[in-house]
């Protein structure tokens, strides 16, 4: 199951990485287009993103202008606040 695999990867230190890739349109090099890539990856090197960008530069026509990356651990310590506490005797 996909969700089991994603959960296992999070326990192994993967985090949800999102990259916004700005690239020059092949037919109109003066215009920039945005592409959003998202997958589980390992910070700070982001090997999955690096492989994707290498594929892009090797196989696709639109030259990359810039890449912005954001990553967040999906599994982390939670903060719990109790509004009311009931005691049973």
C-alpha atoms as a PDB file:
ATOM      1  CA  UNK A   1       0.000   0.000   0.000  1.00  0.00           C
ATOM      2  CA  UNK A   2       1.238   3.499  -0.859  1.00  0.00           C
ATOM      3  CA  UNK A   3       0.399   5.007   2.543  1.00  0.00           C
ATOM      4  CA  UNK A   4       2.352   2.275   4.366  1.00  0.00           C
ATOM      5  CA  UNK A   5       5.399   2.970   2.195  1.00  0.00           C
ATOM      6  CA  UNK A   6       5.113   6.726   2.815  1.00  0.00           C
ATOM      7  CA  UNK A   7       4.784   6.188   6.573  1.00  0.00           C
ATOM      8  CA  UNK A   8       7.819   3.873   6.621  1.00  0.00           C
ATOM      9  CA  UNK A   9       9.873   6.427   4.719  1.00  0.00           C
ATOM     10  CA  UNK A  10       8.940   9.142   7.226  1.00  0.00           C
ATOM     11  CA  UNK A  11      10.151   6.929  10.065  1.00  0.00           C
ATOM     12  CA  UNK A  12      13.440   6.493   8.159  1.00  0.00           C
ATOM     13  CA  UNK A  13      14.012  10.271   8.137  1.00  0.00           C
ATOM     14  CA  UNK A  14      12.414  11.246   4.850  1.00  0.00           C
ATOM     15  CA  UNK A  15      10.425  14.450   4.742  1.00  0.00           C
ATOM     16  CA  UNK A  16       7.882  15.845   2.338  1.00  0.00           C
ATOM     17  CA  UNK A  17       9.859  18.029  -0.056  1.00  0.00           C
ATOM     18  CA  UNK A  18       8.243  20.534  -2.381  1.00  0.00           C
ATOM     19  CA  UNK A  19      10.181  22.296  -5.126  1.00  0.00           C
ATOM     20  CA  UNK A  20       8.974  25.157  -7.291  1.00  0.00           C
ATOM     21  CA  UNK A  21      10.917  25.053 -10.543  1.00  0.00           C
ATOM     22  CA  UNK A  22      10.903  28.174 -12.714  1.00  0.00           C
ATOM     23  CA  UNK A  23      11.948  27.481 -16.277  1.00  0.00           C
ATOM     24  CA  UNK A  24      12.142  29.329 -19.583  1.00  0.00           C
ATOM     25  CA  UNK A  25       9.460  28.265 -22.047  1.00  0.00           C
ATOM     26  CA  UNK A  26      11.124  26.663 -25.109  1.00  0.00           C
ATOM     27  CA  UNK A  27       8.981  28.606 -27.633  1.00  0.00           C
ATOM     28  CA  UNK A  28       9.205  31.916 -25.735  1.00  0.00           C
ATOM     29  CA  UNK A  29      12.533  32.072 -23.821  1.00  0.00           C
ATOM     30  CA  UNK A  30      11.644  35.463 -22.340  1.00  0.00           C
ATOM     31  CA  UNK A  31       8.714  33.952 -20.419  1.00  0.00           C
ATOM     32  CA  UNK A  32       9.008  31.923 -17.228  1.00  0.00           C
ATOM     33  CA  UNK A  33       6.717  29.010 -16.387  1.00  0.00           C
ATOM     34  CA  UNK A  34       6.319  27.393 -12.957  1.00  0.00           C
ATOM     35  CA  UNK A  35       6.319  23.655 -12.222  1.00  0.00           C
ATOM     36  CA  UNK A  36       5.748  22.171  -8.746  1.00  0.00           C
ATOM     37  CA  UNK A  37       7.438  18.872  -7.817  1.00  0.00           C
ATOM     38  CA  UNK A  38       6.627  17.021  -4.589  1.00  0.00           C
ATOM     39  CA  UNK A  39       7.938  13.755  -3.139  1.00  0.00           C
ATOM     40  CA  UNK A  40       9.459  12.287   0.009  1.00  0.00           C
ATOM     41  CA  UNK A  41      13.174  13.072   0.132  1.00  0.00           C
ATOM     42  CA  UNK A  42      16.089  13.388   2.561  1.00  0.00           C
ATOM     43  CA  UNK A  43      17.307  16.868   3.530  1.00  0.00           C
ATOM     44  CA  UNK A  44      19.700  18.598   3.088  1.00  0.00           C
ATOM     45  CA  UNK A  45      20.997  16.859  -0.066  1.00  0.00           C
ATOM     46  CA  UNK A  46      17.581  15.943  -1.558  1.00  0.00           C
ATOM     47  CA  UNK A  47      18.800  13.034  -3.750  1.00  0.00           C
ATOM     48  CA  UNK A  48      15.372  12.379  -5.352  1.00  0.00           C
ATOM     49  CA  UNK A  49      15.032  16.036  -6.342  1.00  0.00           C
ATOM     50  CA  UNK A  50      18.605  16.042  -7.663  1.00  0.00           C
ATOM     51  CA  UNK A  51      17.827  13.018  -9.861  1.00  0.00           C
ATOM     52  CA  UNK A  52      14.667  14.710 -11.150  1.00  0.00           C
ATOM     53  CA  UNK A  53      16.537  17.934 -11.971  1.00  0.00           C
ATOM     54  CA  UNK A  54      19.269  15.939 -13.754  1.00  0.00           C
ATOM     55  CA  UNK A  55      16.542  14.209 -15.806  1.00  0.00           C
ATOM     56  CA  UNK A  56      14.982  17.601 -16.582  1.00  0.00           C
ATOM     57  CA  UNK A  57      18.255  19.092 -17.811  1.00  0.00           C
ATOM     58  CA  UNK A  58      19.064  15.980 -19.859  1.00  0.00           C
ATOM     59  CA  UNK A  59      15.644  15.269 -21.433  1.00  0.00           C
ATOM     60  CA  UNK A  60      13.456  18.399 -21.451  1.00  0.00           C
ATOM     61  CA  UNK A  61      13.741  21.520 -23.594  1.00  0.00           C
ATOM     62  CA  UNK A  62      12.877  24.254 -21.079  1.00  0.00           C
ATOM     63  CA  UNK A  63      16.081  25.505 -19.394  1.00  0.00           C
ATOM     64  CA  UNK A  64      15.763  25.873 -15.621  1.00  0.00           C
ATOM     65  CA  UNK A  65      15.864  29.438 -14.305  1.00  0.00           C
ATOM     66  CA  UNK A  66      15.639  28.736 -10.555  1.00  0.00           C
ATOM     67  CA  UNK A  67      14.498  26.177  -7.979  1.00  0.00           C
ATOM     68  CA  UNK A  68      12.964  26.912  -4.563  1.00  0.00           C
ATOM     69  CA  UNK A  69      12.805  24.023  -2.101  1.00  0.00           C
ATOM     70  CA  UNK A  70      10.746  23.646   1.063  1.00  0.00           C
ATOM     71  CA  UNK A  71      10.824  20.582   3.285  1.00  0.00           C
ATOM     72  CA  UNK A  72       8.891  19.597   6.358  1.00  0.00           C
ATOM     73  CA  UNK A  73       8.998  16.606   8.618  1.00  0.00           C
ATOM     74  CA  UNK A  74       5.511  15.162   8.545  1.00  0.00           C
ATOM     75  CA  UNK A  75       6.002  13.113  11.701  1.00  0.00           C
ATOM     76  CA  UNK A  76       7.153  15.313  14.566  1.00  0.00           C
ATOM     77  CA  UNK A  77       6.520  15.909  18.220  1.00  0.00           C
ATOM     78  CA  UNK A  78       2.997  17.134  18.836  1.00  0.00           C
ATOM     79  CA  UNK A  79       1.917  19.863  21.194  1.00  0.00           C
ATOM     80  CA  UNK A  80      -1.239  19.123  23.153  1.00  0.00           C
ATOM     81  CA  UNK A  81      -3.162  21.675  25.157  1.00  0.00           C
ATOM     82  CA  UNK A  82      -5.992  20.739  27.522  1.00  0.00           C
ATOM     83  CA  UNK A  83      -8.742  23.301  27.972  1.00  0.00           C
ATOM     84  CA  UNK A  84     -10.409  21.422  30.837  1.00  0.00           C
ATOM     85  CA  UNK A  85      -9.201  18.584  33.036  1.00  0.00           C
ATOM     86  CA  UNK A  86     -11.671  16.171  34.618  1.00  0.00           C
ATOM     87  CA  UNK A  87     -10.718  13.877  37.475  1.00  0.00           C
ATOM     88  CA  UNK A  88     -12.614  10.668  38.206  1.00  0.00           C
ATOM     89  CA  UNK A  89     -12.506   9.201  41.706  1.00  0.00           C
END
